[in-house]
Amino acid sequence: MKNINKKLVNMLLSAMFLSIGLLLPFLTGQIQQIGNMLLPMHLPVILCSLVCGWQYGLAIGVILPIMRSLVFTMPVLYPSAITMSFELATYGFLTGFLFVKARWQCIRSLYRCLITSMLAGRAVWGIAMLLLLGFKGEAFTLSTFISGAFINAVPGIILQLIIVPGVMLTLDRTHLRPFRKASGSKESAYE
């Protein structure tokens, strides 16, 4: 019975994160350039994977961009929403999976998981763009990849590196989602 309750809670929380992901981009005024800089759909996917588990984060990562494209027409379905699905699925999977597999859960390991998943997600986005737009011509170049994945996204990356650990620390301190510490470990979860 306890397992069913946990699954139900995770499904409800995932639905909440999906709703947040659908609505959060309205704060950028549906202006694509601002959305590309602040990455508002990334936060709910990353938090979902950390709170509910990588399976839920992966599912929300796949669904969110496509659903938002179909409901609100932003991002554009091809190629943006499709490639974002691969990118956000990577964030959802890797962040949750690496954090659960970490020897102990602390801020340091959270940052390692976030940075690893951000780099992998951007690489997956680049590969998906390359496959969708093709290898020939000027459609998607290395400079376009670097610009789209890193340079333009710096404000969003900084935002994620501030907000996600802040939320997770709050959840840990309120015992709503406490960090797991290795047995016998004397290291603080806040280091």
Protein backbone atom coordinates (compact mmCIF):
# COMPACT_ATOMS: atom_id res chain seq x y z
CA MET A 1 0.00 0.00 0.00
CA LYS A 2 2.86 2.39 0.84
CA ASN A 3 4.39 1.82 -2.62
CA ILE A 4 1.08 2.70 -4.31
CA ASN A 5 0.83 5.91 -2.26
CA LYS A 6 4.41 6.87 -3.23
CA LYS A 7 3.65 6.28 -6.91
CA LEU A 8 0.46 8.32 -6.66
CA VAL A 9 2.30 11.19 -4.95
CA ASN A 10 5.03 11.08 -7.62
CA MET A 11 2.43 11.11 -10.41
CA LEU A 12 0.67 14.09 -8.84
CA LEU A 13 3.94 15.94 -8.32
CA SER A 14 4.94 15.18 -11.92
CA ALA A 15 1.64 16.62 -13.12
CA MET A 16 2.37 19.73 -11.05
CA PHE A 17 5.85 20.05 -12.59
CA LEU A 18 4.34 19.57 -16.06
CA SER A 19 1.85 22.36 -15.34
CA ILE A 20 4.62 24.62 -14.08
CA GLY A 21 6.61 23.85 -17.22
CA LEU A 22 3.64 24.76 -19.40
CA LEU A 23 3.03 28.06 -17.59
CA LEU A 24 6.53 29.25 -16.59
CA PRO A 25 7.49 30.38 -20.13
CA PHE A 26 4.69 32.96 -19.96
CA LEU A 27 6.96 34.89 -17.57
CA THR A 28 9.26 35.48 -20.54
CA GLY A 29 6.32 36.95 -22.43
CA GLN A 30 6.45 34.24 -25.09
CA ILE A 31 9.46 36.06 -26.56
CA GLN A 32 11.66 33.34 -27.98
CA GLN A 33 14.98 35.14 -27.46
CA ILE A 34 14.28 35.67 -23.75
CA GLY A 35 13.08 32.07 -23.42
CA ASN A 36 16.28 30.85 -25.10
CA MET A 37 18.29 32.81 -22.54
CA LEU A 38 16.36 31.90 -19.35
CA LEU A 39 15.40 28.30 -20.25
CA PRO A 40 12.14 28.29 -18.23
CA MET A 41 11.09 24.74 -19.16
CA HIS A 42 14.34 23.24 -17.88
CA LEU A 43 13.72 24.02 -14.19
CA PRO A 44 10.54 21.93 -13.71
CA VAL A 45 12.07 18.93 -15.51
CA ILE A 46 15.24 19.00 -13.42
CA LEU A 47 13.30 19.47 -10.17
CA CYS A 48 10.86 16.69 -11.13
CA SER A 49 13.72 14.25 -11.65
CA LEU A 50 15.27 15.16 -8.30
CA VAL A 51 12.01 15.08 -6.32
CA CYS A 52 10.15 12.22 -8.02
CA GLY A 53 12.92 10.19 -9.65
CA TRP A 54 14.59 9.91 -13.03
CA GLN A 55 11.69 7.97 -14.59
CA TYR A 56 9.30 10.85 -13.97
CA GLY A 57 11.84 13.49 -14.99
CA LEU A 58 12.50 11.61 -18.23
CA ALA A 59 8.77 11.37 -19.02
CA ILE A 60 8.11 15.04 -18.25
CA GLY A 61 11.17 16.01 -20.29
CA VAL A 62 9.84 14.18 -23.35
CA ILE A 63 6.25 15.38 -23.00
CA LEU A 64 6.65 19.03 -21.94
CA PRO A 65 8.10 20.73 -25.08
CA ILE A 66 5.83 18.86 -27.48
CA MET A 67 2.72 19.47 -25.37
CA ARG A 68 3.59 23.14 -25.00
CA SER A 69 4.13 23.42 -28.74
CA LEU A 70 0.79 21.79 -29.51
CA VAL A 71 -1.16 23.79 -26.92
CA PHE A 72 0.53 27.23 -27.09
CA THR A 73 2.46 26.98 -30.43
CA MET A 74 5.70 27.87 -28.62
CA PRO A 75 8.29 26.50 -29.06
CA VAL A 76 7.78 25.75 -32.75
CA LEU A 77 7.27 22.00 -33.16
CA TYR A 78 9.93 21.45 -35.83
CA PRO A 79 12.80 21.52 -35.03
CA SER A 80 12.70 23.32 -31.65
CA ALA A 81 10.17 21.30 -29.60
CA ILE A 82 11.39 17.97 -30.98
CA THR A 83 15.04 18.68 -30.19
CA MET A 84 14.09 20.14 -26.80
CA SER A 85 12.30 16.87 -26.00
CA PHE A 86 15.56 14.99 -26.43
CA GLU A 87 17.46 17.62 -24.45
CA LEU A 88 14.98 17.79 -21.55
CA ALA A 89 14.65 14.00 -21.47
CA THR A 90 18.42 13.83 -21.05
CA TYR A 91 18.25 16.37 -18.19
CA GLY A 92 15.39 14.49 -16.58
CA PHE A 93 17.12 11.15 -16.81
CA LEU A 94 20.70 12.09 -15.95
CA THR A 95 20.03 14.53 -13.11
CA GLY A 96 17.77 12.12 -11.24
CA PHE A 97 19.76 8.99 -12.05
CA LEU A 98 23.16 10.42 -11.10
CA PHE A 99 21.81 11.99 -7.90
CA VAL A 100 20.21 8.72 -6.76
CA LYS A 101 23.41 6.79 -7.56
CA ALA A 102 25.66 9.30 -5.78
CA ARG A 103 27.48 7.87 -2.78
CA TRP A 104 25.88 10.53 -0.62
CA GLN A 105 23.53 13.30 -1.53
CA CYS A 106 24.88 16.74 -0.79
CA ILE A 107 25.17 20.09 -2.51
CA ARG A 108 28.52 19.13 -4.02
CA SER A 109 27.11 15.97 -5.63
CA LEU A 110 24.02 17.91 -6.72
CA TYR A 111 26.22 20.40 -8.58
CA ARG A 112 28.16 17.52 -10.19
CA CYS A 113 24.90 15.96 -11.36
CA LEU A 114 23.54 19.26 -12.65
CA ILE A 115 26.67 20.19 -14.59
CA THR A 116 27.03 16.69 -16.05
CA SER A 117 23.41 16.59 -17.16
CA MET A 118 23.58 20.13 -18.57
CA LEU A 119 26.60 19.26 -20.70
CA ALA A 120 25.08 15.96 -21.84
CA GLY A 121 21.69 17.58 -22.55
CA ARG A 122 23.28 20.25 -24.70
CA ALA A 123 25.28 17.62 -26.59
CA VAL A 124 22.08 15.61 -27.20
CA TRP A 125 20.33 18.80 -28.35
CA GLY A 126 23.16 19.48 -30.81
CA ILE A 127 23.06 15.93 -32.18
CA ALA A 128 19.27 16.08 -32.55
CA MET A 129 19.50 19.43 -34.37
CA LEU A 130 22.20 18.05 -36.64
CA LEU A 131 20.11 14.98 -37.46
CA LEU A 132 16.93 16.99 -38.09
CA LEU A 133 18.51 19.82 -40.08
CA GLY A 134 21.07 17.73 -41.91
CA PHE A 135 24.80 17.75 -42.32
CA LYS A 136 24.95 19.84 -45.49
CA GLY A 137 24.75 23.56 -45.92
CA GLU A 138 24.72 26.30 -43.33
CA ALA A 139 21.64 25.02 -41.42
CA PHE A 140 23.42 23.97 -38.25
CA THR A 141 27.10 24.71 -37.74
CA LEU A 142 29.49 24.40 -34.84
CA SER A 143 29.21 28.12 -34.12
CA THR A 144 25.39 27.84 -34.13
CA PHE A 145 25.68 24.97 -31.64
CA ILE A 146 28.06 26.82 -29.32
CA SER A 147 25.97 29.97 -29.50
CA GLY A 148 22.64 28.19 -28.89
CA ALA A 149 23.84 25.70 -26.31
CA PHE A 150 26.18 27.81 -24.24
CA ILE A 151 26.64 31.52 -25.02
CA ASN A 152 22.95 32.50 -25.28
CA ALA A 153 22.01 30.14 -22.44
CA VAL A 154 24.39 31.55 -19.78
CA PRO A 155 21.62 33.40 -17.85
CA GLY A 156 19.48 30.23 -17.75
CA ILE A 157 22.41 28.07 -16.71
CA ILE A 158 23.24 30.47 -13.85
CA LEU A 159 19.56 30.54 -12.87
CA GLN A 160 19.45 26.73 -12.75
CA LEU A 161 22.65 26.53 -10.71
CA ILE A 162 21.13 28.91 -8.15
CA ILE A 163 17.45 27.87 -8.01
CA VAL A 164 17.73 24.06 -8.13
CA PRO A 165 20.19 23.72 -5.19
CA GLY A 166 18.18 26.34 -3.27
CA VAL A 167 14.94 24.39 -3.72
CA MET A 168 16.61 21.09 -2.87
CA LEU A 169 18.23 22.55 0.27
CA THR A 170 14.82 23.87 1.35
CA LEU A 171 13.22 20.47 0.76
CA ASP A 172 16.05 18.81 2.73
CA ARG A 173 15.80 21.19 5.68
CA THR A 174 12.02 20.83 5.85
CA HIS A 175 12.36 17.03 5.57
CA LEU A 176 10.05 16.94 2.54
CA ARG A 177 12.83 15.45 0.37
CA PRO A 178 15.82 14.86 2.67
CA PHE A 179 19.26 14.18 1.23
CA ARG A 180 20.44 10.61 1.70
CA LYS A 181 23.79 10.34 3.43
CA ALA A 182 26.12 7.37 3.16
CA SER A 183 25.96 5.15 6.20
CA GLY A 184 28.69 6.06 8.66
CA SER A 185 29.48 9.28 6.81
CA LYS A 186 30.38 12.26 8.95
CA GLU A 187 30.25 14.73 6.06
CA SER A 188 27.47 17.26 6.20
CA ALA A 189 24.87 17.23 3.44
CA TYR A 190 25.37 20.98 3.04
CA GLU A 191 29.02 20.80 1.96
